[in-house]
Amino acid sequence: MAASNRDLRRFPRVHVDVEAKVSTADGRQLVARTRDLSRSGICVITTDSVASGETLLIELVLLLGPGSSSEPLPLHARVVWCTAIAKSFQVGAMFDGLSTKQASFLDMFLRYLDGSILPAGAEMEVLGYDEQESTDESGEDGQALPSPDDTDDPFRP
């Protein structure tokens, strides 16, 4: 029995729909959205066709919450295939020459997407942190907590 393509993949894919900034070697900027992402490659949906073997710079940004996003993650990739779908194109690309820093950031990006890690501050909500506790006006010993506007800086009014 032949192995399926899924069985042949080295890294699992995470289905994700985020905006991607895609730049071609000849300077074209493509409007794109991701379809899936893995440690070794990406599939994007774009408005333009690209040739197999073409090199791309793909920048991904995660929206972490209202007004909060990750740093752009720039990834160099080589187009493996491009297929027309409706009025768009589906492009599969393999990452080329990831630095240790890029690979680490990509791993963190994927762990965030699959739920293995949470954005900063989210752990408190998961652990049942009561928001009321953070706004309580007294400390553990019952004394009033200083206001964030209070200062002991003699040069500040």
C-alpha atoms as a PDB file:
ATOM      1  CA  MET A   1       0.000   0.000   0.000  1.00  0.00           C
ATOM      2  CA  ALA A   2       1.426   3.387  -1.019  1.00  0.00           C
ATOM      3  CA  ALA A   3       2.012   6.039   1.635  1.00  0.00           C
ATOM      4  CA  SER A   4      -0.146   9.154   1.384  1.00  0.00           C
ATOM      5  CA  ASN A   5       1.437  12.607   0.955  1.00  0.00           C
ATOM      6  CA  ARG A   6       0.539  13.319   4.585  1.00  0.00           C
ATOM      7  CA  ASP A   7       2.700  10.371   5.688  1.00  0.00           C
ATOM      8  CA  LEU A   8       5.668  11.666   3.673  1.00  0.00           C
ATOM      9  CA  ARG A   9       5.742  15.127   5.292  1.00  0.00           C
ATOM     10  CA  ARG A  10       8.614  15.743   7.696  1.00  0.00           C
ATOM     11  CA  PHE A  11       6.732  18.370   9.711  1.00  0.00           C
ATOM     12  CA  PRO A  12       3.015  18.693  10.495  1.00  0.00           C
ATOM     13  CA  ARG A  13       1.085  21.499   8.818  1.00  0.00           C
ATOM     14  CA  VAL A  14      -0.944  24.041  10.772  1.00  0.00           C
ATOM     15  CA  HIS A  15      -3.953  25.444   8.956  1.00  0.00           C
ATOM     16  CA  VAL A  16      -3.827  29.202   9.376  1.00  0.00           C
ATOM     17  CA  ASP A  17      -5.360  32.183   7.613  1.00  0.00           C
ATOM     18  CA  VAL A  18      -3.228  35.289   8.119  1.00  0.00           C
ATOM     19  CA  GLU A  19      -2.213  38.066   5.800  1.00  0.00           C
ATOM     20  CA  ALA A  20       1.173  37.547   4.175  1.00  0.00           C
ATOM     21  CA  LYS A  21       3.360  40.092   2.448  1.00  0.00           C
ATOM     22  CA  VAL A  22       4.960  38.308  -0.506  1.00  0.00           C
ATOM     23  CA  SER A  23       7.763  39.854  -2.560  1.00  0.00           C
ATOM     24  CA  THR A  24       9.164  38.252  -5.698  1.00  0.00           C
ATOM     25  CA  ALA A  25      12.803  38.411  -6.809  1.00  0.00           C
ATOM     26  CA  ASP A  26      11.800  40.831  -9.599  1.00  0.00           C
ATOM     27  CA  GLY A  27      10.239  43.241  -7.070  1.00  0.00           C
ATOM     28  CA  ARG A  28       6.532  42.426  -7.389  1.00  0.00           C
ATOM     29  CA  GLN A  29       4.491  42.768  -4.194  1.00  0.00           C
ATOM     30  CA  LEU A  30       1.697  40.181  -4.041  1.00  0.00           C
ATOM     31  CA  VAL A  31      -1.491  40.300  -2.008  1.00  0.00           C
ATOM     32  CA  ALA A  32      -1.637  36.945  -0.219  1.00  0.00           C
ATOM     33  CA  ARG A  33      -3.179  34.979   2.653  1.00  0.00           C
ATOM     34  CA  THR A  34      -1.759  31.851   4.175  1.00  0.00           C
ATOM     35  CA  ARG A  35      -3.545  28.543   3.877  1.00  0.00           C
ATOM     36  CA  ASP A  36      -1.175  26.412   5.922  1.00  0.00           C
ATOM     37  CA  LEU A  37       2.273  26.551   7.404  1.00  0.00           C
ATOM     38  CA  SER A  38       4.861  24.053   8.613  1.00  0.00           C
ATOM     39  CA  ARG A  39       8.465  24.114   9.773  1.00  0.00           C
ATOM     40  CA  SER A  40       9.598  23.453   6.201  1.00  0.00           C
ATOM     41  CA  GLY A  41       7.143  25.355   3.997  1.00  0.00           C
ATOM     42  CA  ILE A  42       3.999  27.328   3.376  1.00  0.00           C
ATOM     43  CA  CYS A  43       0.945  27.433   1.158  1.00  0.00           C
ATOM     44  CA  VAL A  44      -0.455  30.860   0.267  1.00  0.00           C
ATOM     45  CA  ILE A  45      -3.361  32.046  -1.818  1.00  0.00           C
ATOM     46  CA  THR A  46      -2.408  35.000  -3.987  1.00  0.00           C
ATOM     47  CA  THR A  47      -3.776  37.096  -6.830  1.00  0.00           C
ATOM     48  CA  ASP A  48      -0.787  36.480  -9.112  1.00  0.00           C
ATOM     49  CA  SER A  49       0.802  33.394 -10.596  1.00  0.00           C
ATOM     50  CA  VAL A  50       4.435  32.620  -9.776  1.00  0.00           C
ATOM     51  CA  ALA A  51       6.728  30.181 -11.533  1.00  0.00           C
ATOM     52  CA  SER A  52       8.103  27.014  -9.959  1.00  0.00           C
ATOM     53  CA  GLY A  53      11.632  27.632  -8.729  1.00  0.00           C
ATOM     54  CA  GLU A  54      11.036  31.364  -8.204  1.00  0.00           C
ATOM     55  CA  THR A  55      12.356  32.760  -4.921  1.00  0.00           C
ATOM     56  CA  LEU A  56      10.052  34.703  -2.616  1.00  0.00           C
ATOM     57  CA  LEU A  57      10.369  36.731   0.545  1.00  0.00           C
ATOM     58  CA  ILE A  58       7.307  36.032   2.681  1.00  0.00           C
ATOM     59  CA  GLU A  59       6.619  38.141   5.770  1.00  0.00           C
ATOM     60  CA  LEU A  60       4.121  36.868   8.330  1.00  0.00           C
ATOM     61  CA  VAL A  61       2.600  38.808  11.225  1.00  0.00           C
ATOM     62  CA  LEU A  62       0.386  37.302  13.937  1.00  0.00           C
ATOM     63  CA  LEU A  63      -2.419  39.370  15.414  1.00  0.00           C
ATOM     64  CA  LEU A  64      -2.168  38.631  19.132  1.00  0.00           C
ATOM     65  CA  GLY A  65      -5.106  40.735  20.262  1.00  0.00           C
ATOM     66  CA  PRO A  66      -6.645  44.173  19.802  1.00  0.00           C
ATOM     67  CA  GLY A  67      -3.844  46.513  18.780  1.00  0.00           C
ATOM     68  CA  SER A  68      -1.180  43.855  19.377  1.00  0.00           C
ATOM     69  CA  SER A  69       0.815  41.934  16.798  1.00  0.00           C
ATOM     70  CA  SER A  70       4.024  39.969  16.504  1.00  0.00           C
ATOM     71  CA  GLU A  71       7.148  41.270  14.852  1.00  0.00           C
ATOM     72  CA  PRO A  72       7.185  40.469  11.124  1.00  0.00           C
ATOM     73  CA  LEU A  73       8.727  37.068  10.455  1.00  0.00           C
ATOM     74  CA  PRO A  74      10.645  37.263   7.129  1.00  0.00           C
ATOM     75  CA  LEU A  75      11.109  33.895   5.428  1.00  0.00           C
ATOM     76  CA  HIS A  76      12.876  33.160   2.139  1.00  0.00           C
ATOM     77  CA  ALA A  77      11.156  30.445   0.158  1.00  0.00           C
ATOM     78  CA  ARG A  78      11.355  28.686  -3.212  1.00  0.00           C
ATOM     79  CA  VAL A  79       8.130  28.045  -5.126  1.00  0.00           C
ATOM     80  CA  VAL A  80       7.516  24.304  -5.568  1.00  0.00           C
ATOM     81  CA  TRP A  81       4.151  24.521  -7.311  1.00  0.00           C
ATOM     82  CA  CYS A  82       1.470  27.033  -8.313  1.00  0.00           C
ATOM     83  CA  THR A  83      -2.118  26.091  -9.172  1.00  0.00           C
ATOM     84  CA  ALA A  84      -4.962  28.293 -10.429  1.00  0.00           C
ATOM     85  CA  ILE A  85      -8.066  28.222  -8.229  1.00  0.00           C
ATOM     86  CA  ALA A  86     -11.058  30.381  -9.216  1.00  0.00           C
ATOM     87  CA  LYS A  87      -9.597  33.864  -9.816  1.00  0.00           C
ATOM     88  CA  SER A  88      -6.586  33.265  -7.550  1.00  0.00           C
ATOM     89  CA  PHE A  89      -3.531  31.043  -7.307  1.00  0.00           C
ATOM     90  CA  GLN A  90      -2.497  28.571  -4.628  1.00  0.00           C
ATOM     91  CA  VAL A  91       1.277  28.570  -4.165  1.00  0.00           C
ATOM     92  CA  GLY A  92       3.296  25.941  -2.310  1.00  0.00           C
ATOM     93  CA  ALA A  93       6.802  26.974  -1.294  1.00  0.00           C
ATOM     94  CA  MET A  94       9.672  25.483   0.716  1.00  0.00           C
ATOM     95  CA  PHE A  95      11.686  27.643   3.074  1.00  0.00           C
ATOM     96  CA  ASP A  96      15.305  28.212   2.038  1.00  0.00           C
ATOM     97  CA  GLY A  97      18.258  28.874   4.317  1.00  0.00           C
ATOM     98  CA  LEU A  98      16.486  29.732   7.557  1.00  0.00           C
ATOM     99  CA  SER A  99      18.849  31.208  10.128  1.00  0.00           C
ATOM    100  CA  THR A 100      18.800  29.782  13.643  1.00  0.00           C
ATOM    101  CA  LYS A 101      16.891  32.883  14.786  1.00  0.00           C
ATOM    102  CA  GLN A 102      14.309  32.557  11.983  1.00  0.00           C
ATOM    103  CA  ALA A 103      13.844  28.837  12.687  1.00  0.00           C
ATOM    104  CA  SER A 104      13.364  29.543  16.393  1.00  0.00           C
ATOM    105  CA  PHE A 105      10.846  32.315  15.690  1.00  0.00           C
ATOM    106  CA  LEU A 106       9.015  30.082  13.190  1.00  0.00           C
ATOM    107  CA  ASP A 107       8.836  27.300  15.793  1.00  0.00           C
ATOM    108  CA  MET A 108       7.407  29.763  18.327  1.00  0.00           C
ATOM    109  CA  PHE A 109       4.964  31.069  15.686  1.00  0.00           C
ATOM    110  CA  LEU A 110       3.763  27.496  15.000  1.00  0.00           C
ATOM    111  CA  ARG A 111       3.453  26.674  18.706  1.00  0.00           C
ATOM    112  CA  TYR A 112       1.322  29.789  19.168  1.00  0.00           C
ATOM    113  CA  LEU A 113      -0.876  28.734  16.234  1.00  0.00           C
ATOM    114  CA  ASP A 114      -1.393  25.188  17.526  1.00  0.00           C
ATOM    115  CA  GLY A 115      -2.122  26.430  21.054  1.00  0.00           C
ATOM    116  CA  SER A 116       1.043  25.048  22.686  1.00  0.00           C
ATOM    117  CA  ILE A 117       1.973  28.532  23.913  1.00  0.00           C
ATOM    118  CA  LEU A 118      -0.128  31.567  24.727  1.00  0.00           C
ATOM    119  CA  PRO A 119       0.551  35.270  24.248  1.00  0.00           C
ATOM    120  CA  ALA A 120       2.006  37.123  27.229  1.00  0.00           C
ATOM    121  CA  GLY A 121      -0.618  37.680  29.918  1.00  0.00           C
ATOM    122  CA  ALA A 122      -2.955  34.968  28.655  1.00  0.00           C
ATOM    123  CA  GLU A 123      -1.610  32.437  31.151  1.00  0.00           C
ATOM    124  CA  MET A 124      -3.252  34.362  33.980  1.00  0.00           C
ATOM    125  CA  GLU A 125      -6.687  34.017  32.366  1.00  0.00           C
ATOM    126  CA  VAL A 126      -6.159  30.303  31.759  1.00  0.00           C
ATOM    127  CA  LEU A 127      -5.078  29.759  35.361  1.00  0.00           C
ATOM    128  CA  GLY A 128      -8.275  31.423  36.608  1.00  0.00           C
ATOM    129  CA  TYR A 129      -6.713  34.756  37.541  1.00  0.00           C
ATOM    130  CA  ASP A 130      -9.517  36.995  38.756  1.00  0.00           C
ATOM    131  CA  GLU A 131      -9.338  40.385  37.094  1.00  0.00           C
ATOM    132  CA  GLN A 132     -10.915  41.920  40.207  1.00  0.00           C
ATOM    133  CA  GLU A 133      -7.800  40.952  42.173  1.00  0.00           C
ATOM    134  CA  SER A 134      -5.658  43.104  39.908  1.00  0.00           C
ATOM    135  CA  THR A 135      -7.834  46.176  40.531  1.00  0.00           C
ATOM    136  CA  ASP A 136      -8.159  45.711  44.304  1.00  0.00           C
ATOM    137  CA  GLU A 137      -7.033  48.900  46.059  1.00  0.00           C
ATOM    138  CA  SER A 138      -5.348  47.170  49.006  1.00  0.00           C
ATOM    139  CA  GLY A 139      -2.359  44.891  49.325  1.00  0.00           C
ATOM    140  CA  GLU A 140      -2.135  41.559  51.113  1.00  0.00           C
ATOM    141  CA  ASP A 141      -1.648  43.299  54.465  1.00  0.00           C
ATOM    142  CA  GLY A 142      -4.742  45.490  53.930  1.00  0.00           C
ATOM    143  CA  GLN A 143      -2.774  48.698  53.326  1.00  0.00           C
ATOM    144  CA  ALA A 144      -3.698  50.866  50.357  1.00  0.00           C
ATOM    145  CA  LEU A 145      -1.575  50.300  47.256  1.00  0.00           C
ATOM    146  CA  PRO A 146       0.061  53.357  45.700  1.00  0.00           C
ATOM    147  CA  SER A 147      -1.544  54.786  42.599  1.00  0.00           C
ATOM    148  CA  PRO A 148       0.439  54.297  39.374  1.00  0.00           C
ATOM    149  CA  ASP A 149       0.462  58.115  39.151  1.00  0.00           C
ATOM    150  CA  ASP A 150       2.184  58.494  42.530  1.00  0.00           C
ATOM    151  CA  THR A 151       5.901  59.111  42.377  1.00  0.00           C
ATOM    152  CA  ASP A 152       8.704  59.911  44.736  1.00  0.00           C
ATOM    153  CA  ASP A 153      10.573  61.760  41.994  1.00  0.00           C
ATOM    154  CA  PRO A 154      11.206  65.281  43.393  1.00  0.00           C
ATOM    155  CA  PHE A 155      11.597  66.667  39.838  1.00  0.00           C
ATOM    156  CA  ARG A 156       8.232  65.439  38.645  1.00  0.00           C
ATOM    157  CA  PRO A 157       5.100  67.370  39.650  1.00  0.00           C
END
